[in-house]
Amino acid sequence: MARALKINHVTVIVDNLEKAGEFYQHELGLEPIPAFRFDYPVMFFKFNEDQQLHISEWEDTPSFRGHICVQIDDFNGFFFRMKELDVIDVQPWGKVRQLPDGAMQMFVRDPGGNLVEVSSQPGSEVDPRIFEDELYEEGLYVSNRNDFRGYRSDDATLYHK
């Protein structure tokens, strides 16, 4: 059985990226860090060496996209168990993916309907059957919004190095 190790990040959905970004940076003193090259407005902030806050602008606030992210120690086993339980949710953020930093990512719903992102440490061994599964899709999630506000980098990661 997989075991959750820690909260990696929390995503907060906002209706004004710049205003929210200023608040988290200037009022709470969080350090902005690069995000992946998503095509929607997003900012990542560093809480400490292990945890991040992500803010993302969407019209549907409150949103079904807000979530917590936990790193697990057995992504492979967890993927197949969640598939068996039919709780993998591909609607808000797309299918199971391998991120540019090498971490695996999927989203599941808890029994109360809350969205939980589950990720692996970059470089963890991935069962090849996951890459062949209909729930897997290569590349970053694409929203088709083509709104590239926010700080991005090819070196972004969910895991601080």
N, C-alpha and C. Protein backbone atom coordinates (compact mmCIF):
# COMPACT_ATOMS: atom_id res chain seq x y z
N MET A 1 0.84 -1.18 0.00
CA MET A 1 0.00 0.00 0.00
C MET A 1 0.89 1.24 0.00
N ALA A 2 0.54 2.23 -0.82
CA ALA A 2 1.27 3.50 -0.87
C ALA A 2 1.02 4.29 0.40
N ARG A 3 1.98 5.11 0.76
CA ARG A 3 1.86 5.96 1.95
C ARG A 3 2.18 7.39 1.56
N ALA A 4 1.29 8.31 1.89
CA ALA A 4 1.54 9.73 1.65
C ALA A 4 2.69 10.18 2.54
N LEU A 5 3.64 10.91 1.96
CA LEU A 5 4.83 11.32 2.69
C LEU A 5 4.75 12.75 3.22
N LYS A 6 4.13 13.66 2.44
CA LYS A 6 4.06 15.06 2.85
C LYS A 6 3.17 15.80 1.87
N ILE A 7 2.76 16.99 2.25
CA ILE A 7 2.06 17.86 1.31
C ILE A 7 3.13 18.55 0.48
N ASN A 8 3.02 18.45 -0.83
CA ASN A 8 3.97 19.08 -1.74
C ASN A 8 3.56 20.52 -2.00
N HIS A 9 2.31 20.73 -2.40
CA HIS A 9 1.83 22.09 -2.65
C HIS A 9 0.33 22.14 -2.50
N VAL A 10 -0.17 23.34 -2.37
CA VAL A 10 -1.60 23.62 -2.38
C VAL A 10 -1.84 24.59 -3.52
N THR A 11 -2.89 24.36 -4.31
CA THR A 11 -3.26 25.27 -5.38
C THR A 11 -4.50 26.04 -4.96
N VAL A 12 -4.43 27.35 -5.07
CA VAL A 12 -5.55 28.22 -4.75
C VAL A 12 -6.02 28.86 -6.06
N ILE A 13 -7.30 28.79 -6.32
CA ILE A 13 -7.88 29.39 -7.52
C ILE A 13 -8.30 30.81 -7.19
N VAL A 14 -7.87 31.77 -8.04
CA VAL A 14 -8.14 33.18 -7.81
C VAL A 14 -8.81 33.79 -9.05
N ASP A 15 -9.43 34.95 -8.87
CA ASP A 15 -10.05 35.61 -10.03
C ASP A 15 -9.19 36.76 -10.55
N ASN A 16 -8.06 37.05 -9.88
CA ASN A 16 -7.14 38.09 -10.35
C ASN A 16 -5.72 37.68 -9.95
N LEU A 17 -4.96 37.15 -10.92
CA LEU A 17 -3.63 36.60 -10.65
C LEU A 17 -2.68 37.63 -10.06
N GLU A 18 -2.63 38.81 -10.67
CA GLU A 18 -1.68 39.82 -10.22
C GLU A 18 -1.98 40.30 -8.80
N LYS A 19 -3.23 40.56 -8.51
CA LYS A 19 -3.62 41.02 -7.18
C LYS A 19 -3.30 39.95 -6.12
N ALA A 20 -3.65 38.71 -6.42
CA ALA A 20 -3.37 37.63 -5.48
C ALA A 20 -1.86 37.42 -5.33
N GLY A 21 -1.13 37.50 -6.46
CA GLY A 21 0.32 37.33 -6.41
C GLY A 21 0.99 38.37 -5.54
N GLU A 22 0.55 39.61 -5.66
CA GLU A 22 1.10 40.68 -4.81
C GLU A 22 0.84 40.40 -3.33
N PHE A 23 -0.36 39.92 -3.03
CA PHE A 23 -0.70 39.61 -1.65
C PHE A 23 0.22 38.54 -1.08
N TYR A 24 0.36 37.43 -1.79
CA TYR A 24 1.18 36.33 -1.27
C TYR A 24 2.65 36.71 -1.19
N GLN A 25 3.13 37.51 -2.13
CA GLN A 25 4.53 37.90 -2.11
C GLN A 25 4.79 39.00 -1.08
N HIS A 26 3.98 40.06 -1.08
CA HIS A 26 4.27 41.23 -0.26
C HIS A 26 3.64 41.19 1.12
N GLU A 27 2.50 40.58 1.25
CA GLU A 27 1.85 40.53 2.57
C GLU A 27 2.28 39.31 3.37
N LEU A 28 2.53 38.19 2.69
CA LEU A 28 2.92 36.98 3.40
C LEU A 28 4.40 36.65 3.23
N GLY A 29 5.09 37.42 2.41
CA GLY A 29 6.53 37.25 2.26
C GLY A 29 6.97 35.99 1.54
N LEU A 30 6.11 35.41 0.71
CA LEU A 30 6.49 34.20 -0.02
C LEU A 30 7.35 34.56 -1.23
N GLU A 31 8.31 33.71 -1.53
CA GLU A 31 9.23 33.93 -2.64
C GLU A 31 8.64 33.35 -3.93
N PRO A 32 8.45 34.19 -4.97
CA PRO A 32 7.99 33.64 -6.25
C PRO A 32 9.08 32.78 -6.87
N ILE A 33 8.67 31.66 -7.45
CA ILE A 33 9.59 30.76 -8.13
C ILE A 33 9.00 30.39 -9.48
N PRO A 34 9.81 29.91 -10.41
CA PRO A 34 9.30 29.59 -11.75
C PRO A 34 8.24 28.48 -11.73
N ALA A 35 7.26 28.64 -12.60
CA ALA A 35 6.25 27.61 -12.84
C ALA A 35 6.57 26.95 -14.18
N PHE A 36 5.92 25.84 -14.46
CA PHE A 36 6.04 25.21 -15.77
C PHE A 36 5.45 26.16 -16.82
N ARG A 37 5.71 25.91 -18.07
CA ARG A 37 5.22 26.76 -19.16
C ARG A 37 3.77 26.41 -19.53
N PHE A 38 2.87 26.56 -18.57
CA PHE A 38 1.45 26.34 -18.82
C PHE A 38 0.90 27.46 -19.69
N ASP A 39 -0.27 27.24 -20.31
CA ASP A 39 -0.87 28.28 -21.14
C ASP A 39 -2.03 28.97 -20.43
N TYR A 40 -1.97 29.03 -19.13
CA TYR A 40 -2.97 29.75 -18.34
C TYR A 40 -2.25 30.50 -17.23
N PRO A 41 -2.88 31.54 -16.67
CA PRO A 41 -2.22 32.36 -15.65
C PRO A 41 -1.95 31.57 -14.37
N VAL A 42 -0.69 31.55 -13.96
CA VAL A 42 -0.29 30.79 -12.77
C VAL A 42 0.96 31.39 -12.16
N MET A 43 1.08 31.30 -10.86
CA MET A 43 2.29 31.69 -10.14
C MET A 43 2.57 30.61 -9.10
N PHE A 44 3.85 30.28 -8.92
CA PHE A 44 4.29 29.37 -7.88
C PHE A 44 5.05 30.19 -6.84
N PHE A 45 4.90 29.82 -5.57
CA PHE A 45 5.62 30.46 -4.47
C PHE A 45 6.26 29.38 -3.60
N LYS A 46 7.41 29.69 -3.07
CA LYS A 46 8.14 28.78 -2.19
C LYS A 46 7.78 29.07 -0.74
N PHE A 47 7.23 28.07 -0.03
CA PHE A 47 6.98 28.19 1.40
C PHE A 47 8.25 27.88 2.17
N ASN A 48 8.86 26.78 1.83
CA ASN A 48 10.09 26.33 2.48
C ASN A 48 10.81 25.41 1.49
N GLU A 49 11.77 24.66 1.94
CA GLU A 49 12.55 23.83 1.01
C GLU A 49 11.74 22.68 0.41
N ASP A 50 10.58 22.37 0.97
CA ASP A 50 9.80 21.22 0.50
C ASP A 50 8.40 21.56 0.01
N GLN A 51 7.88 22.73 0.31
CA GLN A 51 6.48 23.00 0.03
C GLN A 51 6.28 24.28 -0.77
N GLN A 52 5.23 24.26 -1.60
CA GLN A 52 4.92 25.39 -2.45
C GLN A 52 3.44 25.76 -2.34
N LEU A 53 3.16 27.01 -2.73
CA LEU A 53 1.79 27.48 -2.95
C LEU A 53 1.70 27.81 -4.43
N HIS A 54 0.66 27.33 -5.09
CA HIS A 54 0.40 27.67 -6.49
C HIS A 54 -0.89 28.48 -6.52
N ILE A 55 -0.90 29.58 -7.26
CA ILE A 55 -2.15 30.30 -7.49
C ILE A 55 -2.40 30.31 -8.98
N SER A 56 -3.67 30.13 -9.34
CA SER A 56 -4.04 30.03 -10.75
C SER A 56 -5.35 30.78 -10.95
N GLU A 57 -5.40 31.56 -12.03
CA GLU A 57 -6.59 32.36 -12.31
C GLU A 57 -7.55 31.61 -13.23
N TRP A 58 -8.79 31.48 -12.77
CA TRP A 58 -9.85 30.85 -13.55
C TRP A 58 -11.15 31.60 -13.29
N GLU A 59 -12.05 31.55 -14.24
CA GLU A 59 -13.33 32.25 -14.09
C GLU A 59 -14.26 31.54 -13.12
N ASP A 60 -14.12 30.24 -12.99
CA ASP A 60 -15.06 29.47 -12.17
C ASP A 60 -14.62 29.42 -10.71
N THR A 61 -14.63 30.60 -10.07
CA THR A 61 -14.30 30.65 -8.65
C THR A 61 -15.60 30.71 -7.85
N PRO A 62 -15.78 29.92 -6.81
CA PRO A 62 -14.85 28.87 -6.43
C PRO A 62 -14.77 27.79 -7.51
N SER A 63 -13.70 27.03 -7.50
CA SER A 63 -13.39 26.15 -8.61
C SER A 63 -13.28 24.69 -8.20
N PHE A 64 -13.52 23.84 -9.18
CA PHE A 64 -13.31 22.42 -8.96
C PHE A 64 -11.84 22.04 -9.18
N ARG A 65 -10.99 23.03 -9.48
CA ARG A 65 -9.57 22.76 -9.74
C ARG A 65 -8.69 22.85 -8.49
N GLY A 66 -9.12 23.53 -7.45
CA GLY A 66 -8.30 23.66 -6.25
C GLY A 66 -8.01 22.30 -5.64
N HIS A 67 -6.80 22.11 -5.12
CA HIS A 67 -6.41 20.80 -4.63
C HIS A 67 -5.20 20.88 -3.70
N ILE A 68 -4.96 19.79 -3.01
CA ILE A 68 -3.70 19.60 -2.32
C ILE A 68 -2.89 18.61 -3.15
N CYS A 69 -1.58 18.66 -3.01
CA CYS A 69 -0.71 17.72 -3.70
C CYS A 69 0.12 16.99 -2.66
N VAL A 70 0.12 15.68 -2.74
CA VAL A 70 0.93 14.89 -1.83
C VAL A 70 1.89 14.02 -2.63
N GLN A 71 3.10 13.92 -2.12
CA GLN A 71 4.09 13.03 -2.71
C GLN A 71 3.90 11.67 -2.08
N ILE A 72 3.92 10.62 -2.91
CA ILE A 72 3.80 9.27 -2.37
C ILE A 72 5.04 8.47 -2.71
N ASP A 73 5.21 7.39 -2.00
CA ASP A 73 6.40 6.57 -2.18
C ASP A 73 6.21 5.42 -3.16
N ASP A 74 4.98 5.19 -3.63
CA ASP A 74 4.72 4.09 -4.57
C ASP A 74 3.68 4.55 -5.58
N PHE A 75 4.11 5.37 -6.54
CA PHE A 75 3.19 5.88 -7.54
C PHE A 75 2.57 4.75 -8.36
N ASN A 76 3.36 3.76 -8.71
CA ASN A 76 2.87 2.66 -9.54
C ASN A 76 1.71 1.93 -8.86
N GLY A 77 1.93 1.49 -7.65
CA GLY A 77 0.89 0.78 -6.92
C GLY A 77 -0.34 1.64 -6.70
N PHE A 78 -0.11 2.92 -6.39
CA PHE A 78 -1.22 3.83 -6.15
C PHE A 78 -2.03 4.06 -7.42
N PHE A 79 -1.35 4.22 -8.56
CA PHE A 79 -2.06 4.40 -9.83
C PHE A 79 -3.01 3.24 -10.08
N PHE A 80 -2.51 2.01 -9.97
CA PHE A 80 -3.36 0.86 -10.28
C PHE A 80 -4.49 0.70 -9.26
N ARG A 81 -4.23 1.04 -8.01
CA ARG A 81 -5.30 0.98 -6.99
C ARG A 81 -6.36 2.04 -7.27
N MET A 82 -5.97 3.26 -7.59
CA MET A 82 -6.94 4.32 -7.86
C MET A 82 -7.74 4.03 -9.13
N LYS A 83 -7.08 3.42 -10.11
CA LYS A 83 -7.79 3.02 -11.33
C LYS A 83 -8.84 1.96 -10.98
N GLU A 84 -8.46 1.02 -10.16
CA GLU A 84 -9.40 -0.02 -9.72
C GLU A 84 -10.60 0.59 -9.00
N LEU A 85 -10.35 1.60 -8.18
CA LEU A 85 -11.44 2.26 -7.45
C LEU A 85 -12.21 3.26 -8.31
N ASP A 86 -11.72 3.54 -9.52
CA ASP A 86 -12.35 4.47 -10.46
C ASP A 86 -12.49 5.87 -9.87
N VAL A 87 -11.38 6.35 -9.25
CA VAL A 87 -11.41 7.69 -8.65
C VAL A 87 -10.41 8.64 -9.29
N ILE A 88 -9.75 8.23 -10.37
CA ILE A 88 -8.85 9.15 -11.08
C ILE A 88 -9.72 10.13 -11.85
N ASP A 89 -9.49 11.43 -11.63
CA ASP A 89 -10.30 12.48 -12.25
C ASP A 89 -9.44 13.23 -13.27
N VAL A 90 -9.79 13.10 -14.55
CA VAL A 90 -9.04 13.75 -15.62
C VAL A 90 -9.70 15.04 -16.10
N GLN A 91 -10.81 15.44 -15.49
CA GLN A 91 -11.54 16.62 -15.95
C GLN A 91 -10.84 17.95 -15.64
N PRO A 92 -10.44 18.21 -14.39
CA PRO A 92 -9.91 19.55 -14.11
C PRO A 92 -8.51 19.82 -14.66
N TRP A 93 -7.60 18.85 -14.62
CA TRP A 93 -6.21 19.09 -15.00
C TRP A 93 -5.68 18.06 -16.00
N GLY A 94 -6.54 17.26 -16.57
CA GLY A 94 -6.11 16.33 -17.59
C GLY A 94 -5.68 14.97 -17.04
N LYS A 95 -5.12 14.20 -17.93
CA LYS A 95 -4.77 12.81 -17.63
C LYS A 95 -3.50 12.70 -16.78
N VAL A 96 -3.18 11.48 -16.41
CA VAL A 96 -1.95 11.17 -15.70
C VAL A 96 -0.78 11.55 -16.61
N ARG A 97 0.24 12.17 -16.03
CA ARG A 97 1.35 12.68 -16.85
C ARG A 97 2.68 12.52 -16.13
N GLN A 98 3.74 12.58 -16.95
CA GLN A 98 5.08 12.74 -16.40
C GLN A 98 5.48 14.18 -16.68
N LEU A 99 5.77 14.93 -15.63
CA LEU A 99 6.11 16.34 -15.76
C LEU A 99 7.53 16.52 -16.29
N PRO A 100 7.85 17.71 -16.79
CA PRO A 100 9.20 17.94 -17.32
C PRO A 100 10.32 17.65 -16.32
N ASP A 101 10.05 17.76 -15.02
CA ASP A 101 11.08 17.47 -14.03
C ASP A 101 11.22 15.98 -13.74
N GLY A 102 10.38 15.15 -14.38
CA GLY A 102 10.43 13.71 -14.22
C GLY A 102 9.44 13.15 -13.22
N ALA A 103 8.79 14.02 -12.43
CA ALA A 103 7.80 13.54 -11.47
C ALA A 103 6.56 13.06 -12.21
N MET A 104 5.94 12.01 -11.70
CA MET A 104 4.65 11.55 -12.22
C MET A 104 3.56 12.31 -11.48
N GLN A 105 2.42 12.51 -12.15
CA GLN A 105 1.33 13.32 -11.60
C GLN A 105 -0.01 12.72 -12.01
N MET A 106 -0.92 12.66 -11.06
CA MET A 106 -2.31 12.31 -11.35
C MET A 106 -3.20 12.97 -10.31
N PHE A 107 -4.46 13.06 -10.64
CA PHE A 107 -5.45 13.67 -9.76
C PHE A 107 -6.53 12.66 -9.44
N VAL A 108 -6.87 12.57 -8.15
CA VAL A 108 -7.93 11.66 -7.70
C VAL A 108 -8.90 12.45 -6.82
N ARG A 109 -10.09 11.92 -6.67
CA ARG A 109 -11.10 12.51 -5.78
C ARG A 109 -11.17 11.67 -4.51
N ASP A 110 -11.15 12.35 -3.37
CA ASP A 110 -11.34 11.63 -2.12
C ASP A 110 -12.83 11.33 -1.95
N PRO A 111 -13.21 10.55 -0.95
CA PRO A 111 -14.63 10.20 -0.79
C PRO A 111 -15.56 11.41 -0.63
N GLY A 112 -15.02 12.54 -0.16
CA GLY A 112 -15.83 13.74 0.00
C GLY A 112 -15.88 14.59 -1.26
N GLY A 113 -15.21 14.14 -2.33
CA GLY A 113 -15.20 14.88 -3.58
C GLY A 113 -14.07 15.88 -3.72
N ASN A 114 -13.18 15.95 -2.73
CA ASN A 114 -12.04 16.87 -2.80
C ASN A 114 -10.99 16.34 -3.76
N LEU A 115 -10.37 17.26 -4.49
CA LEU A 115 -9.35 16.88 -5.46
C LEU A 115 -7.99 16.79 -4.78
N VAL A 116 -7.30 15.69 -5.03
CA VAL A 116 -5.97 15.46 -4.48
C VAL A 116 -5.04 15.13 -5.64
N GLU A 117 -3.99 15.93 -5.78
CA GLU A 117 -2.95 15.62 -6.75
C GLU A 117 -1.94 14.71 -6.07
N VAL A 118 -1.54 13.68 -6.77
CA VAL A 118 -0.58 12.73 -6.23
C VAL A 118 0.63 12.75 -7.15
N SER A 119 1.82 12.89 -6.57
CA SER A 119 3.02 12.95 -7.40
C SER A 119 4.10 12.05 -6.83
N SER A 120 5.04 11.71 -7.71
CA SER A 120 6.20 10.92 -7.31
C SER A 120 7.43 11.82 -7.32
N GLN A 121 8.45 11.38 -6.66
CA GLN A 121 9.73 12.07 -6.71
C GLN A 121 10.28 11.96 -8.14
N PRO A 122 10.84 13.04 -8.71
CA PRO A 122 11.46 12.92 -10.03
C PRO A 122 12.50 11.79 -10.04
N GLY A 123 12.50 11.02 -11.12
CA GLY A 123 13.45 9.93 -11.25
C GLY A 123 12.99 8.61 -10.67
N SER A 124 11.81 8.59 -10.03
CA SER A 124 11.29 7.34 -9.51
C SER A 124 10.97 6.40 -10.67
N GLU A 125 11.13 5.12 -10.43
CA GLU A 125 10.83 4.12 -11.47
C GLU A 125 9.34 4.11 -11.76
N VAL A 126 9.00 4.11 -13.05
CA VAL A 126 7.60 4.13 -13.47
C VAL A 126 7.31 2.82 -14.20
N ASP A 127 6.23 2.15 -13.80
CA ASP A 127 5.79 0.93 -14.47
C ASP A 127 5.45 1.27 -15.91
N PRO A 128 6.06 0.63 -16.89
CA PRO A 128 5.81 0.95 -18.31
C PRO A 128 4.34 0.83 -18.71
N ARG A 129 3.57 0.02 -17.98
CA ARG A 129 2.14 -0.11 -18.31
C ARG A 129 1.39 1.20 -18.11
N ILE A 130 1.88 2.06 -17.22
CA ILE A 130 1.21 3.36 -17.00
C ILE A 130 1.30 4.20 -18.27
N PHE A 131 2.46 4.20 -18.92
CA PHE A 131 2.64 4.99 -20.15
C PHE A 131 1.77 4.48 -21.30
N GLU A 132 1.31 3.23 -21.22
CA GLU A 132 0.45 2.65 -22.25
C GLU A 132 -1.03 2.73 -21.89
N ASP A 133 -1.36 3.16 -20.69
CA ASP A 133 -2.74 3.19 -20.22
C ASP A 133 -3.52 4.32 -20.86
N GLU A 134 -4.81 4.12 -21.05
CA GLU A 134 -5.67 5.16 -21.64
C GLU A 134 -5.79 6.40 -20.76
N LEU A 135 -5.45 6.28 -19.47
CA LEU A 135 -5.50 7.43 -18.57
C LEU A 135 -4.22 8.26 -18.60
N TYR A 136 -3.20 7.81 -19.34
CA TYR A 136 -1.94 8.53 -19.44
C TYR A 136 -1.92 9.39 -20.70
N GLU A 137 -1.33 10.57 -20.58
CA GLU A 137 -1.11 11.43 -21.74
C GLU A 137 0.24 12.12 -21.58
N GLU A 138 1.02 12.15 -22.63
CA GLU A 138 2.34 12.76 -22.59
C GLU A 138 2.22 14.28 -22.66
N GLY A 139 3.16 14.98 -22.04
CA GLY A 139 3.22 16.44 -22.10
C GLY A 139 2.42 17.11 -21.00
N LEU A 140 2.58 18.42 -20.90
CA LEU A 140 1.85 19.21 -19.90
C LEU A 140 0.39 19.36 -20.28
N TYR A 141 -0.44 19.55 -19.28
CA TYR A 141 -1.86 19.85 -19.50
C TYR A 141 -1.97 21.15 -20.31
N VAL A 142 -2.86 21.15 -21.30
CA VAL A 142 -3.09 22.33 -22.14
C VAL A 142 -4.55 22.74 -21.97
N SER A 143 -4.77 23.99 -21.57
CA SER A 143 -6.12 24.49 -21.34
C SER A 143 -6.72 25.16 -22.57
N ASN A 144 -5.88 25.48 -23.55
CA ASN A 144 -6.29 26.23 -24.74
C ASN A 144 -6.71 27.66 -24.43
N ARG A 145 -6.30 28.19 -23.30
CA ARG A 145 -6.59 29.58 -22.95
C ARG A 145 -5.58 30.53 -23.56
N ASN A 146 -4.36 30.06 -23.80
CA ASN A 146 -3.30 30.88 -24.39
C ASN A 146 -3.08 32.20 -23.65
N ASP A 147 -3.12 32.15 -22.35
CA ASP A 147 -2.88 33.31 -21.49
C ASP A 147 -1.64 32.98 -20.66
N PHE A 148 -0.52 33.56 -21.01
CA PHE A 148 0.76 33.14 -20.47
C PHE A 148 1.29 34.05 -19.36
N ARG A 149 0.41 34.76 -18.65
CA ARG A 149 0.87 35.59 -17.55
C ARG A 149 1.46 34.73 -16.44
N GLY A 150 2.38 35.28 -15.69
CA GLY A 150 3.01 34.56 -14.59
C GLY A 150 4.46 34.24 -14.93
N TYR A 151 5.21 33.80 -13.97
CA TYR A 151 6.64 33.55 -14.09
C TYR A 151 6.85 32.07 -14.42
N ARG A 152 7.49 31.77 -15.56
CA ARG A 152 7.67 30.41 -16.01
C ARG A 152 9.13 30.14 -16.36
N SER A 153 9.48 28.85 -16.37
CA SER A 153 10.84 28.47 -16.72
C SER A 153 10.88 27.02 -17.16
N ASP A 154 11.82 26.70 -18.03
CA ASP A 154 12.03 25.31 -18.42
C ASP A 154 12.64 24.50 -17.27
N ASP A 155 13.12 25.17 -16.23
CA ASP A 155 13.72 24.49 -15.08
C ASP A 155 12.76 24.36 -13.90
N ALA A 156 11.46 24.61 -14.11
CA ALA A 156 10.49 24.52 -13.02
C ALA A 156 10.42 23.09 -12.49
N THR A 157 10.05 22.95 -11.23
CA THR A 157 9.90 21.62 -10.62
C THR A 157 8.93 21.71 -9.46
N LEU A 158 8.28 20.58 -9.15
CA LEU A 158 7.49 20.49 -7.94
C LEU A 158 8.39 20.23 -6.74
N TYR A 159 9.63 19.85 -7.01
CA TYR A 159 10.56 19.46 -5.95
C TYR A 159 11.79 20.34 -5.99
N HIS A 160 12.01 21.07 -4.93
CA HIS A 160 13.17 21.97 -4.85
C HIS A 160 14.44 21.14 -4.86
N LYS A 161 15.43 21.64 -5.54
CA LYS A 161 16.69 20.90 -5.64
C LYS A 161 17.72 21.49 -4.70
